[in-house]
Amino acid sequence: MKNLSQLTLVALAAGMLALSGCSNDKPEENTSLTLHRGNAAEPFSLDPHQSSGTWENNIIGDMFIGLFTENAAGEPIPGMADNWEVSEDGLTWTFHLRKANWSDGVPVTAHDFVFSLRRLLNPATLSQYASLVFSIKNAEAVNRGEMTTDKLGVAALDDSTLEIKLEYPAPYLPGLLTHYTTMPVPAHVVREKGSAWIKP
């Protein structure tokens, strides 16, 4: 009986909260809304290639989108990749990007993805998750400093077409490409600002 009373109180409280959000008032046109969300800890960095914690991922995932993202069940779904083809041998993936702009209005292009993947694997970046994409052709050698970043198996065929060549077939590549470390960064801003590019 005690449990039933507690259950009833919880149900009533939930109902009152739901009803308190209902209103016939129309919001004013200039009204802005703010979502407050707890984040467990302060981020060390919001640079996708320098971050390593879930509390950083929470924010980065709201700021950037990779070739793939995740649905509510955590499954990979298209992000910036509008569609793609995989070669018969499974070694070449060609992605066609949807149209999008950075916050300053500059278009996001396949060149941003090439720049970002090269930056991720550049040993000077010291990215903790570089090994996540070692399936990309020459990625491990590039990350070890044995090859230059231009030898990485990524290419912009044009502004909206990205090609990724692999060392071996990796049908799980869409899942890997949901990770925030593979998200593109604005090449034009990083080139201009260097490590300070992520600051407000």
C-alpha atoms as a PDB file:
ATOM      1  CA  MET A   1       0.000   0.000   0.000  1.00  0.00           C
ATOM      2  CA  LYS A   2       2.873   2.335   0.856  1.00  0.00           C
ATOM      3  CA  ASN A   3       4.463   1.730  -2.578  1.00  0.00           C
ATOM      4  CA  LEU A   4       1.143   2.456  -4.284  1.00  0.00           C
ATOM      5  CA  SER A   5       0.852   5.812  -2.463  1.00  0.00           C
ATOM      6  CA  GLN A   6       4.391   6.765  -3.474  1.00  0.00           C
ATOM      7  CA  LEU A   7       3.661   5.756  -7.075  1.00  0.00           C
ATOM      8  CA  THR A   8       0.507   7.882  -7.055  1.00  0.00           C
ATOM      9  CA  LEU A   9       2.431  10.912  -5.717  1.00  0.00           C
ATOM     10  CA  VAL A  10       5.107  10.514  -8.384  1.00  0.00           C
ATOM     11  CA  ALA A  11       2.458  10.258 -11.116  1.00  0.00           C
ATOM     12  CA  LEU A  12       0.665  13.375  -9.809  1.00  0.00           C
ATOM     13  CA  ALA A  13       3.939  15.334  -9.647  1.00  0.00           C
ATOM     14  CA  ALA A  14       4.828  14.322 -13.204  1.00  0.00           C
ATOM     15  CA  GLY A  15       1.375  15.345 -14.412  1.00  0.00           C
ATOM     16  CA  MET A  16       1.611  18.744 -12.706  1.00  0.00           C
ATOM     17  CA  LEU A  17       5.028  19.357 -14.279  1.00  0.00           C
ATOM     18  CA  ALA A  18       3.704  18.448 -17.710  1.00  0.00           C
ATOM     19  CA  LEU A  19       0.686  20.735 -17.325  1.00  0.00           C
ATOM     20  CA  SER A  20       2.800  23.615 -16.050  1.00  0.00           C
ATOM     21  CA  GLY A  21       4.565  23.643 -19.424  1.00  0.00           C
ATOM     22  CA  CYS A  22       1.272  24.114 -21.293  1.00  0.00           C
ATOM     23  CA  SER A  23       0.185  27.611 -22.182  1.00  0.00           C
ATOM     24  CA  ASN A  24      -2.075  29.307 -24.688  1.00  0.00           C
ATOM     25  CA  ASP A  25       0.207  32.351 -24.752  1.00  0.00           C
ATOM     26  CA  LYS A  26       2.057  32.839 -28.021  1.00  0.00           C
ATOM     27  CA  PRO A  27       5.753  33.567 -27.526  1.00  0.00           C
ATOM     28  CA  GLU A  28       6.930  36.991 -28.593  1.00  0.00           C
ATOM     29  CA  GLU A  29       8.865  37.072 -31.854  1.00  0.00           C
ATOM     30  CA  ASN A  30      12.097  38.222 -30.212  1.00  0.00           C
ATOM     31  CA  THR A  31      11.979  35.726 -27.356  1.00  0.00           C
ATOM     32  CA  SER A  32      15.113  33.617 -27.069  1.00  0.00           C
ATOM     33  CA  LEU A  33      15.269  30.307 -25.294  1.00  0.00           C
ATOM     34  CA  THR A  34      18.200  28.781 -23.424  1.00  0.00           C
ATOM     35  CA  LEU A  35      18.787  25.113 -22.791  1.00  0.00           C
ATOM     36  CA  HIS A  36      20.818  24.419 -19.651  1.00  0.00           C
ATOM     37  CA  ARG A  37      22.481  21.021 -19.567  1.00  0.00           C
ATOM     38  CA  GLY A  38      24.788  19.567 -16.933  1.00  0.00           C
ATOM     39  CA  ASN A  39      28.108  18.413 -18.365  1.00  0.00           C
ATOM     40  CA  ALA A  40      29.964  16.709 -15.477  1.00  0.00           C
ATOM     41  CA  ALA A  41      33.278  18.521 -16.045  1.00  0.00           C
ATOM     42  CA  GLU A  42      34.916  21.444 -17.818  1.00  0.00           C
ATOM     43  CA  PRO A  43      36.212  20.545 -21.282  1.00  0.00           C
ATOM     44  CA  PHE A  44      39.987  20.522 -21.737  1.00  0.00           C
ATOM     45  CA  SER A  45      39.480  21.542 -25.362  1.00  0.00           C
ATOM     46  CA  LEU A  46      36.691  21.806 -27.924  1.00  0.00           C
ATOM     47  CA  ASP A  47      39.110  20.904 -30.709  1.00  0.00           C
ATOM     48  CA  PRO A  48      37.924  17.488 -31.971  1.00  0.00           C
ATOM     49  CA  HIS A  49      41.544  16.413 -32.495  1.00  0.00           C
ATOM     50  CA  GLN A  50      42.689  17.432 -28.996  1.00  0.00           C
ATOM     51  CA  SER A  51      39.745  16.212 -26.914  1.00  0.00           C
ATOM     52  CA  SER A  52      39.440  12.896 -25.129  1.00  0.00           C
ATOM     53  CA  GLY A  53      36.498  12.978 -22.712  1.00  0.00           C
ATOM     54  CA  THR A  54      32.768  12.383 -22.972  1.00  0.00           C
ATOM     55  CA  TRP A  55      32.123  15.800 -21.409  1.00  0.00           C
ATOM     56  CA  GLU A  56      33.960  17.302 -24.406  1.00  0.00           C
ATOM     57  CA  ASN A  57      32.128  15.038 -26.829  1.00  0.00           C
ATOM     58  CA  ASN A  58      28.794  16.323 -25.473  1.00  0.00           C
ATOM     59  CA  ILE A  59      29.664  19.838 -26.630  1.00  0.00           C
ATOM     60  CA  ILE A  60      31.638  18.967 -29.770  1.00  0.00           C
ATOM     61  CA  GLY A  61      28.745  16.810 -30.972  1.00  0.00           C
ATOM     62  CA  ASP A  62      26.503  19.887 -30.820  1.00  0.00           C
ATOM     63  CA  MET A  63      29.025  22.035 -32.733  1.00  0.00           C
ATOM     64  CA  PHE A  64      30.254  19.744 -35.506  1.00  0.00           C
ATOM     65  CA  ILE A  65      28.969  16.885 -37.622  1.00  0.00           C
ATOM     66  CA  GLY A  66      31.035  14.240 -39.362  1.00  0.00           C
ATOM     67  CA  LEU A  67      30.338  12.125 -42.413  1.00  0.00           C
ATOM     68  CA  PHE A  68      28.117  10.050 -40.133  1.00  0.00           C
ATOM     69  CA  THR A  69      26.301  10.739 -36.900  1.00  0.00           C
ATOM     70  CA  GLU A  70      24.179   8.541 -34.613  1.00  0.00           C
ATOM     71  CA  ASN A  71      20.472   8.033 -34.194  1.00  0.00           C
ATOM     72  CA  ALA A  72      18.791   7.678 -30.791  1.00  0.00           C
ATOM     73  CA  ALA A  73      19.782   3.995 -30.690  1.00  0.00           C
ATOM     74  CA  GLY A  74      23.469   4.869 -31.229  1.00  0.00           C
ATOM     75  CA  GLU A  75      23.511   3.487 -34.787  1.00  0.00           C
ATOM     76  CA  PRO A  76      25.417   5.284 -37.567  1.00  0.00           C
ATOM     77  CA  ILE A  77      23.265   7.355 -39.914  1.00  0.00           C
ATOM     78  CA  PRO A  78      24.275   9.857 -42.614  1.00  0.00           C
ATOM     79  CA  GLY A  79      25.612  13.153 -41.332  1.00  0.00           C
ATOM     80  CA  MET A  80      27.495  15.274 -43.874  1.00  0.00           C
ATOM     81  CA  ALA A  81      27.523  12.273 -46.224  1.00  0.00           C
ATOM     82  CA  ASP A  82      24.479  12.606 -48.440  1.00  0.00           C
ATOM     83  CA  ASN A  83      25.292   9.321 -50.179  1.00  0.00           C
ATOM     84  CA  TRP A  84      28.332   7.174 -50.917  1.00  0.00           C
ATOM     85  CA  GLU A  85      29.673   4.292 -52.968  1.00  0.00           C
ATOM     86  CA  VAL A  86      32.060   1.528 -51.971  1.00  0.00           C
ATOM     87  CA  SER A  87      34.287  -0.172 -54.560  1.00  0.00           C
ATOM     88  CA  GLU A  88      33.871  -3.910 -55.159  1.00  0.00           C
ATOM     89  CA  ASP A  89      37.064  -4.688 -53.247  1.00  0.00           C
ATOM     90  CA  GLY A  90      35.866  -2.585 -50.295  1.00  0.00           C
ATOM     91  CA  LEU A  91      39.003  -0.420 -50.377  1.00  0.00           C
ATOM     92  CA  THR A  92      37.658   2.840 -51.809  1.00  0.00           C
ATOM     93  CA  TRP A  93      34.787   4.805 -50.329  1.00  0.00           C
ATOM     94  CA  THR A  94      33.477   7.835 -52.231  1.00  0.00           C
ATOM     95  CA  PHE A  95      31.315  10.253 -50.250  1.00  0.00           C
ATOM     96  CA  HIS A  96      29.067  12.921 -51.747  1.00  0.00           C
ATOM     97  CA  LEU A  97      28.572  15.714 -49.225  1.00  0.00           C
ATOM     98  CA  ARG A  98      25.411  17.635 -48.492  1.00  0.00           C
ATOM     99  CA  LYS A  99      25.561  21.441 -48.599  1.00  0.00           C
ATOM    100  CA  ALA A 100      26.431  23.128 -45.312  1.00  0.00           C
ATOM    101  CA  ASN A 101      28.215  26.251 -44.088  1.00  0.00           C
ATOM    102  CA  TRP A 102      30.507  26.978 -41.184  1.00  0.00           C
ATOM    103  CA  SER A 103      29.198  29.519 -38.668  1.00  0.00           C
ATOM    104  CA  ASP A 104      30.974  32.314 -40.574  1.00  0.00           C
ATOM    105  CA  GLY A 105      29.101  31.422 -43.777  1.00  0.00           C
ATOM    106  CA  VAL A 106      32.026  29.748 -45.565  1.00  0.00           C
ATOM    107  CA  PRO A 107      30.919  26.466 -47.208  1.00  0.00           C
ATOM    108  CA  VAL A 108      32.026  23.150 -45.702  1.00  0.00           C
ATOM    109  CA  THR A 109      33.865  21.214 -48.419  1.00  0.00           C
ATOM    110  CA  ALA A 110      35.604  17.907 -48.990  1.00  0.00           C
ATOM    111  CA  HIS A 111      38.866  19.857 -48.615  1.00  0.00           C
ATOM    112  CA  ASP A 112      37.944  20.503 -44.950  1.00  0.00           C
ATOM    113  CA  PHE A 113      37.636  16.746 -44.422  1.00  0.00           C
ATOM    114  CA  VAL A 114      41.000  16.087 -46.087  1.00  0.00           C
ATOM    115  CA  PHE A 115      42.636  18.828 -44.005  1.00  0.00           C
ATOM    116  CA  SER A 116      41.048  17.472 -40.816  1.00  0.00           C
ATOM    117  CA  LEU A 117      41.994  13.822 -41.326  1.00  0.00           C
ATOM    118  CA  ARG A 118      45.564  14.831 -42.177  1.00  0.00           C
ATOM    119  CA  ARG A 119      45.657  17.045 -39.078  1.00  0.00           C
ATOM    120  CA  LEU A 120      44.241  14.238 -36.917  1.00  0.00           C
ATOM    121  CA  LEU A 121      46.984  11.838 -38.045  1.00  0.00           C
ATOM    122  CA  ASN A 122      49.815  14.358 -38.027  1.00  0.00           C
ATOM    123  CA  PRO A 123      52.071  13.238 -35.141  1.00  0.00           C
ATOM    124  CA  ALA A 124      52.487  16.896 -34.118  1.00  0.00           C
ATOM    125  CA  THR A 125      48.759  17.054 -33.261  1.00  0.00           C
ATOM    126  CA  LEU A 126      49.200  14.390 -30.570  1.00  0.00           C
ATOM    127  CA  SER A 127      45.633  13.190 -30.980  1.00  0.00           C
ATOM    128  CA  GLN A 128      44.796  10.406 -28.528  1.00  0.00           C
ATOM    129  CA  TYR A 129      42.340   8.845 -30.971  1.00  0.00           C
ATOM    130  CA  ALA A 130      44.399   8.902 -34.174  1.00  0.00           C
ATOM    131  CA  SER A 131      44.627   5.098 -34.137  1.00  0.00           C
ATOM    132  CA  LEU A 132      40.857   4.939 -34.567  1.00  0.00           C
ATOM    133  CA  VAL A 133      41.301   5.513 -38.309  1.00  0.00           C
ATOM    134  CA  PHE A 134      44.403   3.408 -38.939  1.00  0.00           C
ATOM    135  CA  SER A 135      42.294   1.507 -41.481  1.00  0.00           C
ATOM    136  CA  ILE A 136      42.811   4.481 -43.839  1.00  0.00           C
ATOM    137  CA  LYS A 137      45.628   3.877 -46.315  1.00  0.00           C
ATOM    138  CA  ASN A 138      49.018   4.928 -44.869  1.00  0.00           C
ATOM    139  CA  ALA A 139      47.377   6.306 -41.708  1.00  0.00           C
ATOM    140  CA  GLU A 140      49.593   4.445 -39.250  1.00  0.00           C
ATOM    141  CA  ALA A 141      52.782   5.334 -41.146  1.00  0.00           C
ATOM    142  CA  VAL A 142      51.731   8.989 -41.283  1.00  0.00           C
ATOM    143  CA  ASN A 143      50.960   9.005 -37.555  1.00  0.00           C
ATOM    144  CA  ARG A 144      54.382   7.505 -36.801  1.00  0.00           C
ATOM    145  CA  GLY A 145      56.075  10.211 -38.857  1.00  0.00           C
ATOM    146  CA  GLU A 146      57.286   7.689 -41.447  1.00  0.00           C
ATOM    147  CA  MET A 147      55.269   9.369 -44.243  1.00  0.00           C
ATOM    148  CA  THR A 148      54.099  12.922 -44.839  1.00  0.00           C
ATOM    149  CA  THR A 149      50.408  13.722 -44.388  1.00  0.00           C
ATOM    150  CA  ASP A 150      49.876  14.153 -48.145  1.00  0.00           C
ATOM    151  CA  LYS A 151      50.413  10.369 -48.484  1.00  0.00           C
ATOM    152  CA  LEU A 152      47.289   9.692 -46.403  1.00  0.00           C
ATOM    153  CA  GLY A 153      44.609   7.883 -48.433  1.00  0.00           C
ATOM    154  CA  VAL A 154      42.157  10.777 -48.515  1.00  0.00           C
ATOM    155  CA  ALA A 155      41.412  13.121 -51.418  1.00  0.00           C
ATOM    156  CA  ALA A 156      38.931  15.818 -52.370  1.00  0.00           C
ATOM    157  CA  LEU A 157      37.799  14.891 -55.875  1.00  0.00           C
ATOM    158  CA  ASP A 158      35.939  18.217 -55.930  1.00  0.00           C
ATOM    159  CA  ASP A 159      34.380  20.506 -53.317  1.00  0.00           C
ATOM    160  CA  SER A 160      31.558  18.075 -52.560  1.00  0.00           C
ATOM    161  CA  THR A 161      33.194  14.676 -53.168  1.00  0.00           C
ATOM    162  CA  LEU A 162      35.545  12.988 -50.703  1.00  0.00           C
ATOM    163  CA  GLU A 163      37.449   9.794 -51.423  1.00  0.00           C
ATOM    164  CA  ILE A 164      38.870   7.598 -48.664  1.00  0.00           C
ATOM    165  CA  LYS A 165      41.128   4.689 -49.560  1.00  0.00           C
ATOM    166  CA  LEU A 166      41.617   1.917 -46.990  1.00  0.00           C
ATOM    167  CA  GLU A 167      44.392  -0.519 -46.107  1.00  0.00           C
ATOM    168  CA  TYR A 168      41.847  -3.354 -45.898  1.00  0.00           C
ATOM    169  CA  PRO A 169      38.064  -3.670 -46.243  1.00  0.00           C
ATOM    170  CA  ALA A 170      36.334  -2.106 -43.238  1.00  0.00           C
ATOM    171  CA  PRO A 171      32.551  -2.441 -43.509  1.00  0.00           C
ATOM    172  CA  TYR A 172      32.335  -0.841 -40.046  1.00  0.00           C
ATOM    173  CA  LEU A 173      33.804   2.452 -41.360  1.00  0.00           C
ATOM    174  CA  PRO A 174      30.493   4.367 -40.921  1.00  0.00           C
ATOM    175  CA  GLY A 175      30.598   3.543 -37.197  1.00  0.00           C
ATOM    176  CA  LEU A 176      34.193   4.778 -36.905  1.00  0.00           C
ATOM    177  CA  LEU A 177      33.299   7.982 -38.716  1.00  0.00           C
ATOM    178  CA  THR A 178      30.684   8.905 -36.102  1.00  0.00           C
ATOM    179  CA  HIS A 179      33.484   9.533 -33.574  1.00  0.00           C
ATOM    180  CA  TYR A 180      34.060  13.216 -32.894  1.00  0.00           C
ATOM    181  CA  THR A 181      37.754  12.981 -33.667  1.00  0.00           C
ATOM    182  CA  THR A 182      36.886  12.379 -37.358  1.00  0.00           C
ATOM    183  CA  MET A 183      34.694  15.478 -37.606  1.00  0.00           C
ATOM    184  CA  PRO A 184      35.874  18.221 -39.939  1.00  0.00           C
ATOM    185  CA  VAL A 185      37.316  21.478 -38.669  1.00  0.00           C
ATOM    186  CA  PRO A 186      37.218  24.763 -40.630  1.00  0.00           C
ATOM    187  CA  ALA A 187      40.523  24.601 -42.485  1.00  0.00           C
ATOM    188  CA  HIS A 188      40.483  28.324 -43.342  1.00  0.00           C
ATOM    189  CA  VAL A 189      40.194  29.292 -39.650  1.00  0.00           C
ATOM    190  CA  VAL A 190      42.740  26.762 -38.348  1.00  0.00           C
ATOM    191  CA  ARG A 191      45.282  27.901 -40.957  1.00  0.00           C
ATOM    192  CA  GLU A 192      44.779  31.532 -39.925  1.00  0.00           C
ATOM    193  CA  LYS A 193      44.557  31.149 -36.132  1.00  0.00           C
ATOM    194  CA  GLY A 194      46.639  28.035 -35.436  1.00  0.00           C
ATOM    195  CA  SER A 195      45.993  26.453 -32.029  1.00  0.00           C
ATOM    196  CA  ALA A 196      43.929  29.488 -30.993  1.00  0.00           C
ATOM    197  CA  TRP A 197      41.268  28.702 -33.623  1.00  0.00           C
ATOM    198  CA  ILE A 198      38.906  27.170 -31.049  1.00  0.00           C
ATOM    199  CA  LYS A 199      38.854  30.224 -28.752  1.00  0.00           C
ATOM    200  CA  PRO A 200      35.797  32.506 -28.812  1.00  0.00           C
END
